[in-house]
Amino acid sequence: MSSNRELTMSSYVGIGVGLMLIVGVEVILTYQHMPPRTLLFALLCLACLEAYVGVMYLMHVKYERPILFWTVFPATLFVLGFLCYLFPDAFRMLNMRLMK
């Protein structure tokens, strides 16, 4: 990298190749006959790694002030937690009959 706030073209190419390698590992893992829980855990870990690289480097969050991260990260955790609280109710609603 040429400076702390600037990515060069070779950095972007390296990030792109790295992301493609992660996708390749995901594809290879899906063709292995692994137990479903193990496969799900591995694919979720790799997807989180891909998301981290995309957000930090391609969206340039790595080069922002730390206060941005510390305001967005807790809010994201709150929203995800709240969604996990609502999902069981949403699935229950699928099996309910609507009253007329």
N, C-alpha and C. Protein backbone atom coordinates (compact mmCIF):
# COMPACT_ATOMS: atom_id res chain seq x y z
N MET A 1 0.83 -1.18 0.00
CA MET A 1 0.00 0.00 0.00
C MET A 1 0.87 1.24 0.00
N SER A 2 0.45 2.24 -0.73
CA SER A 2 1.27 3.42 -0.82
C SER A 2 1.12 4.33 0.39
N SER A 3 -0.06 4.40 0.97
CA SER A 3 -0.24 5.18 2.19
C SER A 3 -1.30 4.52 3.05
N ASN A 4 -1.55 5.12 4.19
CA ASN A 4 -2.50 4.55 5.12
C ASN A 4 -3.94 4.65 4.63
N ARG A 5 -4.24 5.61 3.77
CA ARG A 5 -5.61 5.84 3.33
C ARG A 5 -5.85 5.48 1.87
N GLU A 6 -4.88 4.93 1.22
CA GLU A 6 -5.01 4.70 -0.21
C GLU A 6 -4.61 3.28 -0.57
N LEU A 7 -5.48 2.60 -1.29
CA LEU A 7 -5.16 1.27 -1.79
C LEU A 7 -4.71 1.38 -3.24
N THR A 8 -3.69 0.63 -3.58
CA THR A 8 -3.22 0.62 -4.96
C THR A 8 -3.99 -0.44 -5.74
N MET A 9 -3.81 -0.42 -7.04
CA MET A 9 -4.48 -1.39 -7.90
C MET A 9 -4.05 -2.81 -7.54
N SER A 10 -2.78 -2.99 -7.21
CA SER A 10 -2.32 -4.34 -6.85
C SER A 10 -2.97 -4.81 -5.55
N SER A 11 -3.28 -3.88 -4.65
CA SER A 11 -3.99 -4.25 -3.42
C SER A 11 -5.38 -4.74 -3.76
N TYR A 12 -6.07 -4.03 -4.64
CA TYR A 12 -7.42 -4.45 -5.04
C TYR A 12 -7.39 -5.80 -5.75
N VAL A 13 -6.40 -6.01 -6.58
CA VAL A 13 -6.27 -7.30 -7.27
C VAL A 13 -6.02 -8.41 -6.25
N GLY A 14 -5.15 -8.16 -5.28
CA GLY A 14 -4.90 -9.15 -4.23
C GLY A 14 -6.13 -9.46 -3.42
N ILE A 15 -6.91 -8.43 -3.08
CA ILE A 15 -8.15 -8.64 -2.33
C ILE A 15 -9.14 -9.44 -3.17
N GLY A 16 -9.25 -9.10 -4.44
CA GLY A 16 -10.16 -9.83 -5.32
C GLY A 16 -9.76 -11.29 -5.47
N VAL A 17 -8.47 -11.54 -5.65
CA VAL A 17 -7.98 -12.93 -5.77
C VAL A 17 -8.22 -13.67 -4.46
N GLY A 18 -8.00 -13.00 -3.33
CA GLY A 18 -8.25 -13.64 -2.04
C GLY A 18 -9.71 -14.01 -1.86
N LEU A 19 -10.60 -13.10 -2.26
CA LEU A 19 -12.03 -13.39 -2.17
C LEU A 19 -12.42 -14.56 -3.08
N MET A 20 -11.83 -14.61 -4.28
CA MET A 20 -12.12 -15.73 -5.18
C MET A 20 -11.59 -17.04 -4.62
N LEU A 21 -10.45 -17.00 -3.94
CA LEU A 21 -9.93 -18.21 -3.32
C LEU A 21 -10.85 -18.71 -2.21
N ILE A 22 -11.39 -17.78 -1.43
CA ILE A 22 -12.34 -18.17 -0.38
C ILE A 22 -13.57 -18.81 -0.99
N VAL A 23 -14.07 -18.24 -2.08
CA VAL A 23 -15.23 -18.83 -2.77
C VAL A 23 -14.87 -20.22 -3.30
N GLY A 24 -13.66 -20.37 -3.83
CA GLY A 24 -13.22 -21.68 -4.31
C GLY A 24 -13.19 -22.71 -3.19
N VAL A 25 -12.71 -22.31 -2.01
CA VAL A 25 -12.70 -23.21 -0.86
C VAL A 25 -14.13 -23.58 -0.47
N GLU A 26 -15.03 -22.61 -0.54
CA GLU A 26 -16.44 -22.90 -0.23
C GLU A 26 -17.03 -23.92 -1.20
N VAL A 27 -16.73 -23.76 -2.47
CA VAL A 27 -17.24 -24.70 -3.48
C VAL A 27 -16.66 -26.09 -3.25
N ILE A 28 -15.38 -26.17 -2.97
CA ILE A 28 -14.74 -27.47 -2.72
C ILE A 28 -15.36 -28.12 -1.48
N LEU A 29 -15.61 -27.33 -0.44
CA LEU A 29 -16.21 -27.89 0.78
C LEU A 29 -17.61 -28.44 0.53
N THR A 30 -18.35 -27.80 -0.35
CA THR A 30 -19.72 -28.28 -0.60
C THR A 30 -19.72 -29.63 -1.31
N TYR A 31 -18.66 -29.95 -2.03
CA TYR A 31 -18.59 -31.24 -2.71
C TYR A 31 -17.99 -32.34 -1.83
N GLN A 32 -17.48 -31.98 -0.67
CA GLN A 32 -17.01 -32.98 0.28
C GLN A 32 -18.23 -33.54 1.01
N HIS A 33 -18.18 -34.76 1.36
CA HIS A 33 -19.32 -35.37 2.06
C HIS A 33 -19.13 -35.20 3.56
N MET A 34 -19.36 -33.97 4.00
CA MET A 34 -19.21 -33.63 5.41
C MET A 34 -20.57 -33.67 6.09
N PRO A 35 -20.59 -33.86 7.41
CA PRO A 35 -21.87 -33.75 8.12
C PRO A 35 -22.44 -32.35 7.94
N PRO A 36 -23.76 -32.22 7.85
CA PRO A 36 -24.36 -30.92 7.57
C PRO A 36 -23.99 -29.83 8.57
N ARG A 37 -23.91 -30.16 9.85
CA ARG A 37 -23.56 -29.14 10.85
C ARG A 37 -22.14 -28.64 10.64
N THR A 38 -21.23 -29.54 10.36
CA THR A 38 -19.84 -29.15 10.13
C THR A 38 -19.72 -28.29 8.87
N LEU A 39 -20.42 -28.70 7.83
CA LEU A 39 -20.39 -27.93 6.58
C LEU A 39 -20.99 -26.54 6.78
N LEU A 40 -22.11 -26.47 7.48
CA LEU A 40 -22.74 -25.19 7.74
C LEU A 40 -21.82 -24.28 8.54
N PHE A 41 -21.19 -24.82 9.57
CA PHE A 41 -20.27 -24.02 10.39
C PHE A 41 -19.10 -23.51 9.55
N ALA A 42 -18.53 -24.37 8.73
CA ALA A 42 -17.38 -23.97 7.90
C ALA A 42 -17.79 -22.90 6.88
N LEU A 43 -18.93 -23.08 6.24
CA LEU A 43 -19.38 -22.11 5.24
C LEU A 43 -19.74 -20.77 5.88
N LEU A 44 -20.34 -20.80 7.07
CA LEU A 44 -20.66 -19.55 7.76
C LEU A 44 -19.39 -18.81 8.18
N CYS A 45 -18.39 -19.55 8.64
CA CYS A 45 -17.12 -18.91 9.01
C CYS A 45 -16.46 -18.26 7.79
N LEU A 46 -16.45 -18.97 6.68
CA LEU A 46 -15.86 -18.41 5.46
C LEU A 46 -16.66 -17.22 4.94
N ALA A 47 -17.99 -17.27 5.05
CA ALA A 47 -18.81 -16.15 4.62
C ALA A 47 -18.57 -14.93 5.50
N CYS A 48 -18.38 -15.15 6.80
CA CYS A 48 -18.07 -14.03 7.70
C CYS A 48 -16.71 -13.42 7.36
N LEU A 49 -15.76 -14.27 7.00
CA LEU A 49 -14.44 -13.76 6.59
C LEU A 49 -14.56 -12.93 5.31
N GLU A 50 -15.34 -13.41 4.36
CA GLU A 50 -15.56 -12.65 3.12
C GLU A 50 -16.22 -11.31 3.41
N ALA A 51 -17.22 -11.32 4.28
CA ALA A 51 -17.91 -10.08 4.62
C ALA A 51 -16.96 -9.12 5.31
N TYR A 52 -16.12 -9.63 6.19
CA TYR A 52 -15.15 -8.78 6.88
C TYR A 52 -14.20 -8.11 5.89
N VAL A 53 -13.66 -8.89 4.98
CA VAL A 53 -12.73 -8.33 3.98
C VAL A 53 -13.45 -7.30 3.11
N GLY A 54 -14.67 -7.61 2.69
CA GLY A 54 -15.42 -6.68 1.85
C GLY A 54 -15.71 -5.37 2.56
N VAL A 55 -16.15 -5.46 3.80
CA VAL A 55 -16.48 -4.24 4.54
C VAL A 55 -15.23 -3.45 4.89
N MET A 56 -14.22 -4.12 5.38
CA MET A 56 -13.04 -3.40 5.86
C MET A 56 -12.21 -2.79 4.72
N TYR A 57 -12.04 -3.51 3.63
CA TYR A 57 -11.15 -3.03 2.57
C TYR A 57 -11.90 -2.41 1.40
N LEU A 58 -12.92 -3.08 0.89
CA LEU A 58 -13.60 -2.57 -0.29
C LEU A 58 -14.53 -1.41 0.04
N MET A 59 -15.03 -1.36 1.28
CA MET A 59 -15.86 -0.24 1.70
C MET A 59 -15.04 0.77 2.51
N HIS A 60 -13.74 0.52 2.64
CA HIS A 60 -12.78 1.44 3.26
C HIS A 60 -13.08 1.75 4.73
N VAL A 61 -13.74 0.84 5.44
CA VAL A 61 -14.01 1.06 6.86
C VAL A 61 -12.73 0.96 7.67
N LYS A 62 -11.77 0.19 7.19
CA LYS A 62 -10.50 0.04 7.90
C LYS A 62 -9.78 1.38 8.06
N TYR A 63 -10.00 2.28 7.14
CA TYR A 63 -9.28 3.55 7.16
C TYR A 63 -10.09 4.69 7.78
N GLU A 64 -11.26 4.37 8.31
CA GLU A 64 -12.07 5.39 8.99
C GLU A 64 -11.61 5.52 10.44
N ARG A 65 -12.12 6.55 11.10
CA ARG A 65 -11.82 6.72 12.51
C ARG A 65 -12.48 5.60 13.31
N PRO A 66 -11.88 5.17 14.40
CA PRO A 66 -12.44 4.07 15.19
C PRO A 66 -13.83 4.35 15.75
N ILE A 67 -14.20 5.60 15.92
CA ILE A 67 -15.52 5.91 16.47
C ILE A 67 -16.63 5.44 15.54
N LEU A 68 -16.36 5.42 14.24
CA LEU A 68 -17.37 4.91 13.30
C LEU A 68 -17.65 3.44 13.57
N PHE A 69 -16.60 2.66 13.74
CA PHE A 69 -16.75 1.24 14.02
C PHE A 69 -17.49 1.04 15.34
N TRP A 70 -17.13 1.79 16.35
CA TRP A 70 -17.72 1.59 17.68
C TRP A 70 -19.12 2.15 17.80
N THR A 71 -19.61 2.85 16.81
CA THR A 71 -21.02 3.24 16.79
C THR A 71 -21.84 2.30 15.92
N VAL A 72 -21.28 1.82 14.85
CA VAL A 72 -22.03 0.95 13.93
C VAL A 72 -22.06 -0.50 14.43
N PHE A 73 -20.97 -0.98 14.99
CA PHE A 73 -20.89 -2.38 15.42
C PHE A 73 -21.93 -2.73 16.49
N PRO A 74 -22.06 -1.98 17.58
CA PRO A 74 -23.10 -2.34 18.57
C PRO A 74 -24.52 -2.25 18.01
N ALA A 75 -24.76 -1.29 17.14
CA ALA A 75 -26.09 -1.17 16.54
C ALA A 75 -26.38 -2.39 15.67
N THR A 76 -25.40 -2.86 14.94
CA THR A 76 -25.58 -4.06 14.11
C THR A 76 -25.84 -5.28 14.98
N LEU A 77 -25.11 -5.42 16.06
CA LEU A 77 -25.35 -6.54 16.97
C LEU A 77 -26.75 -6.48 17.57
N PHE A 78 -27.21 -5.28 17.91
CA PHE A 78 -28.56 -5.13 18.45
C PHE A 78 -29.61 -5.56 17.43
N VAL A 79 -29.45 -5.12 16.19
CA VAL A 79 -30.42 -5.47 15.15
C VAL A 79 -30.42 -6.97 14.91
N LEU A 80 -29.25 -7.59 14.82
CA LEU A 80 -29.19 -9.04 14.61
C LEU A 80 -29.80 -9.80 15.79
N GLY A 81 -29.53 -9.34 16.99
CA GLY A 81 -30.13 -9.98 18.16
C GLY A 81 -31.64 -9.84 18.16
N PHE A 82 -32.13 -8.67 17.80
CA PHE A 82 -33.57 -8.46 17.76
C PHE A 82 -34.22 -9.31 16.68
N LEU A 83 -33.56 -9.47 15.54
CA LEU A 83 -34.09 -10.34 14.49
C LEU A 83 -34.15 -11.79 14.95
N CYS A 84 -33.14 -12.24 15.67
CA CYS A 84 -33.17 -13.60 16.20
C CYS A 84 -34.31 -13.78 17.19
N TYR A 85 -34.68 -12.72 17.87
CA TYR A 85 -35.81 -12.76 18.80
C TYR A 85 -37.13 -12.86 18.04
N LEU A 86 -37.21 -12.24 16.86
CA LEU A 86 -38.45 -12.22 16.10
C LEU A 86 -38.63 -13.40 15.15
N PHE A 87 -37.57 -14.06 14.74
CA PHE A 87 -37.68 -15.15 13.77
C PHE A 87 -38.60 -16.28 14.22
N PRO A 88 -38.52 -16.77 15.46
CA PRO A 88 -39.44 -17.85 15.85
C PRO A 88 -40.91 -17.45 15.70
N ASP A 89 -41.23 -16.23 16.03
CA ASP A 89 -42.60 -15.77 15.90
C ASP A 89 -43.01 -15.71 14.43
N ALA A 90 -42.10 -15.31 13.57
CA ALA A 90 -42.40 -15.23 12.14
C ALA A 90 -42.66 -16.62 11.57
N PHE A 91 -41.89 -17.61 11.99
CA PHE A 91 -42.12 -18.96 11.50
C PHE A 91 -43.42 -19.54 12.06
N ARG A 92 -43.78 -19.17 13.28
CA ARG A 92 -45.04 -19.63 13.86
C ARG A 92 -46.21 -19.07 13.08
N MET A 93 -46.10 -17.85 12.61
CA MET A 93 -47.17 -17.22 11.86
C MET A 93 -47.44 -17.92 10.52
N LEU A 94 -46.46 -18.60 9.97
CA LEU A 94 -46.68 -19.31 8.71
C LEU A 94 -47.71 -20.42 8.86
N ASN A 95 -47.80 -21.02 10.03
CA ASN A 95 -48.70 -22.15 10.23
C ASN A 95 -50.05 -21.75 10.82
N MET A 96 -50.25 -20.48 11.08
CA MET A 96 -51.52 -20.05 11.65
C MET A 96 -52.55 -19.81 10.56
N ARG A 97 -53.81 -20.06 10.91
CA ARG A 97 -54.89 -19.74 9.97
C ARG A 97 -55.32 -18.32 10.22
N LEU A 98 -55.62 -17.63 9.15
CA LEU A 98 -56.10 -16.26 9.29
C LEU A 98 -57.59 -16.27 9.62
N MET A 99 -57.96 -15.46 10.58
CA MET A 99 -59.37 -15.37 10.95
C MET A 99 -60.07 -14.39 10.03
N LYS A 100 -61.31 -14.69 9.70
CA LYS A 100 -62.07 -13.78 8.82
C LYS A 100 -63.12 -13.06 9.61
